[in-house]
């Protein structure tokens, strides 16, 4: 007894198998990605120190006023416990001065 499987069914089964294998590969690559850093009070403190040092070493920077404004905004947000928003403002202050952020990894 020979059972014939319709061609459309075979194509559907192969398509589902291919999608499953592609999905599995996507999950494997996610495991190798570096986890995103969660901003903390320590992150804010480190960034504030970097901004202070950058302002001291760039007293005639063209965007010094902008950097000071962003620093003050960032410090307030960090003080309010809004570390992610404060960190963005502090990074913007460094960018205004043309200084790259130094990250510290544990």
C-alpha atoms as a PDB file:
ATOM      1  CA  UNK A   1       0.000   0.000   0.000  1.00  0.00           C
ATOM      2  CA  UNK A   2       1.536   3.209  -1.186  1.00  0.00           C
ATOM      3  CA  UNK A   3       0.219   6.502   0.314  1.00  0.00           C
ATOM      4  CA  UNK A   4       0.738   9.648  -1.682  1.00  0.00           C
ATOM      5  CA  UNK A   5       1.241  12.891   0.228  1.00  0.00           C
ATOM      6  CA  UNK A   6       0.037  15.948  -1.664  1.00  0.00           C
ATOM      7  CA  UNK A   7       2.799  18.293  -2.818  1.00  0.00           C
ATOM      8  CA  UNK A   8       1.203  21.318  -1.121  1.00  0.00           C
ATOM      9  CA  UNK A   9       1.345  19.501   2.221  1.00  0.00           C
ATOM     10  CA  UNK A  10       5.033  18.633   1.751  1.00  0.00           C
ATOM     11  CA  UNK A  11       5.876  22.252   0.926  1.00  0.00           C
ATOM     12  CA  UNK A  12       3.966  23.486   4.000  1.00  0.00           C
ATOM     13  CA  UNK A  13       5.779  21.053   6.305  1.00  0.00           C
ATOM     14  CA  UNK A  14       9.168  22.081   4.888  1.00  0.00           C
ATOM     15  CA  UNK A  15       8.293  25.780   5.253  1.00  0.00           C
ATOM     16  CA  UNK A  16       7.310  25.353   8.899  1.00  0.00           C
ATOM     17  CA  UNK A  17      10.518  23.416   9.591  1.00  0.00           C
ATOM     18  CA  UNK A  18      12.594  26.181   7.972  1.00  0.00           C
ATOM     19  CA  UNK A  19      10.850  28.889  10.024  1.00  0.00           C
ATOM     20  CA  UNK A  20      11.482  26.964  13.238  1.00  0.00           C
ATOM     21  CA  UNK A  21      15.179  26.591  12.459  1.00  0.00           C
ATOM     22  CA  UNK A  22      15.517  30.316  11.626  1.00  0.00           C
ATOM     23  CA  UNK A  23      13.748  31.250  14.856  1.00  0.00           C
ATOM     24  CA  UNK A  24      16.081  29.002  16.841  1.00  0.00           C
ATOM     25  CA  UNK A  25      19.124  30.686  15.284  1.00  0.00           C
ATOM     26  CA  UNK A  26      17.749  34.099  16.254  1.00  0.00           C
ATOM     27  CA  UNK A  27      17.468  33.034  19.884  1.00  0.00           C
ATOM     28  CA  UNK A  28      21.053  31.754  19.872  1.00  0.00           C
ATOM     29  CA  UNK A  29      22.417  35.102  18.701  1.00  0.00           C
ATOM     30  CA  UNK A  30      20.484  36.916  21.434  1.00  0.00           C
ATOM     31  CA  UNK A  31      22.391  34.940  24.060  1.00  0.00           C
ATOM     32  CA  UNK A  32      25.718  36.302  22.800  1.00  0.00           C
ATOM     33  CA  UNK A  33      24.718  39.983  23.001  1.00  0.00           C
ATOM     34  CA  UNK A  34      26.077  42.095  25.818  1.00  0.00           C
ATOM     35  CA  UNK A  35      23.318  43.004  28.296  1.00  0.00           C
ATOM     36  CA  UNK A  36      22.389  46.681  28.352  1.00  0.00           C
ATOM     37  CA  UNK A  37      23.739  48.591  31.329  1.00  0.00           C
ATOM     38  CA  UNK A  38      21.060  49.689  33.781  1.00  0.00           C
ATOM     39  CA  UNK A  39      21.832  53.225  35.004  1.00  0.00           C
ATOM     40  CA  UNK A  40      22.304  53.606  38.749  1.00  0.00           C
ATOM     41  CA  UNK A  41      23.338  56.323  41.183  1.00  0.00           C
ATOM     42  CA  UNK A  42      26.927  55.154  40.650  1.00  0.00           C
ATOM     43  CA  UNK A  43      26.546  55.678  36.898  1.00  0.00           C
ATOM     44  CA  UNK A  44      25.367  59.242  37.520  1.00  0.00           C
ATOM     45  CA  UNK A  45      28.211  59.902  39.938  1.00  0.00           C
ATOM     46  CA  UNK A  46      30.793  58.651  37.440  1.00  0.00           C
ATOM     47  CA  UNK A  47      29.311  60.762  34.644  1.00  0.00           C
ATOM     48  CA  UNK A  48      29.146  63.854  36.866  1.00  0.00           C
ATOM     49  CA  UNK A  49      32.823  63.452  37.718  1.00  0.00           C
ATOM     50  CA  UNK A  50      33.654  63.115  34.024  1.00  0.00           C
ATOM     51  CA  UNK A  51      31.661  66.248  33.181  1.00  0.00           C
ATOM     52  CA  UNK A  52      33.338  68.217  35.983  1.00  0.00           C
ATOM     53  CA  UNK A  53      36.781  67.142  34.747  1.00  0.00           C
ATOM     54  CA  UNK A  54      35.882  67.945  31.132  1.00  0.00           C
ATOM     55  CA  UNK A  55      34.592  71.413  32.055  1.00  0.00           C
ATOM     56  CA  UNK A  56      37.753  72.108  34.045  1.00  0.00           C
ATOM     57  CA  UNK A  57      39.983  71.015  31.158  1.00  0.00           C
ATOM     58  CA  UNK A  58      37.939  72.836  28.463  1.00  0.00           C
ATOM     59  CA  UNK A  59      37.250  76.273  30.009  1.00  0.00           C
ATOM     60  CA  UNK A  60      37.009  77.972  26.597  1.00  0.00           C
ATOM     61  CA  UNK A  61      34.902  75.360  24.813  1.00  0.00           C
ATOM     62  CA  UNK A  62      32.432  76.938  22.376  1.00  0.00           C
ATOM     63  CA  UNK A  63      29.508  75.048  23.909  1.00  0.00           C
ATOM     64  CA  UNK A  64      30.516  75.467  27.558  1.00  0.00           C
ATOM     65  CA  UNK A  65      27.212  77.140  28.479  1.00  0.00           C
ATOM     66  CA  UNK A  66      25.278  74.242  26.917  1.00  0.00           C
ATOM     67  CA  UNK A  67      27.458  71.729  28.759  1.00  0.00           C
ATOM     68  CA  UNK A  68      26.856  73.483  32.086  1.00  0.00           C
ATOM     69  CA  UNK A  69      23.115  73.568  31.460  1.00  0.00           C
ATOM     70  CA  UNK A  70      23.022  69.833  30.604  1.00  0.00           C
ATOM     71  CA  UNK A  71      25.186  69.071  33.643  1.00  0.00           C
ATOM     72  CA  UNK A  72      22.775  70.907  35.958  1.00  0.00           C
ATOM     73  CA  UNK A  73      19.749  69.198  34.387  1.00  0.00           C
ATOM     74  CA  UNK A  74      21.430  65.796  34.641  1.00  0.00           C
ATOM     75  CA  UNK A  75      22.462  66.332  38.252  1.00  0.00           C
ATOM     76  CA  UNK A  76      18.887  67.255  39.206  1.00  0.00           C
ATOM     77  CA  UNK A  77      17.419  64.218  37.451  1.00  0.00           C
ATOM     78  CA  UNK A  78      19.984  61.913  39.044  1.00  0.00           C
ATOM     79  CA  UNK A  79      19.244  63.453  42.435  1.00  0.00           C
ATOM     80  CA  UNK A  80      15.549  62.695  41.862  1.00  0.00           C
ATOM     81  CA  UNK A  81      16.388  59.038  41.181  1.00  0.00           C
ATOM     82  CA  UNK A  82      15.814  59.331  37.418  1.00  0.00           C
ATOM     83  CA  UNK A  83      19.185  57.817  36.554  1.00  0.00           C
ATOM     84  CA  UNK A  84      18.495  57.005  32.901  1.00  0.00           C
ATOM     85  CA  UNK A  85      17.275  60.523  32.087  1.00  0.00           C
ATOM     86  CA  UNK A  86      20.028  62.128  34.155  1.00  0.00           C
ATOM     87  CA  UNK A  87      22.654  59.999  32.457  1.00  0.00           C
ATOM     88  CA  UNK A  88      21.410  61.131  29.039  1.00  0.00           C
ATOM     89  CA  UNK A  89      21.757  64.779  30.047  1.00  0.00           C
ATOM     90  CA  UNK A  90      25.248  64.218  31.461  1.00  0.00           C
ATOM     91  CA  UNK A  91      26.310  62.391  28.298  1.00  0.00           C
ATOM     92  CA  UNK A  92      24.939  65.328  26.301  1.00  0.00           C
ATOM     93  CA  UNK A  93      27.106  67.666  28.384  1.00  0.00           C
ATOM     94  CA  UNK A  94      30.185  65.605  27.531  1.00  0.00           C
ATOM     95  CA  UNK A  95      29.209  65.549  23.864  1.00  0.00           C
ATOM     96  CA  UNK A  96      28.817  69.347  23.863  1.00  0.00           C
ATOM     97  CA  UNK A  97      32.401  69.578  25.079  1.00  0.00           C
ATOM     98  CA  UNK A  98      33.597  67.084  22.482  1.00  0.00           C
ATOM     99  CA  UNK A  99      34.587  64.534  25.128  1.00  0.00           C
ATOM    100  CA  UNK A 100      33.861  60.815  24.926  1.00  0.00           C
ATOM    101  CA  UNK A 101      32.211  59.016  27.829  1.00  0.00           C
ATOM    102  CA  UNK A 102      34.485  56.670  29.735  1.00  0.00           C
ATOM    103  CA  UNK A 103      32.607  53.555  30.847  1.00  0.00           C
ATOM    104  CA  UNK A 104      33.666  51.491  33.805  1.00  0.00           C
ATOM    105  CA  UNK A 105      32.797  47.804  33.676  1.00  0.00           C
ATOM    106  CA  UNK A 106      32.593  45.628  36.734  1.00  0.00           C
END
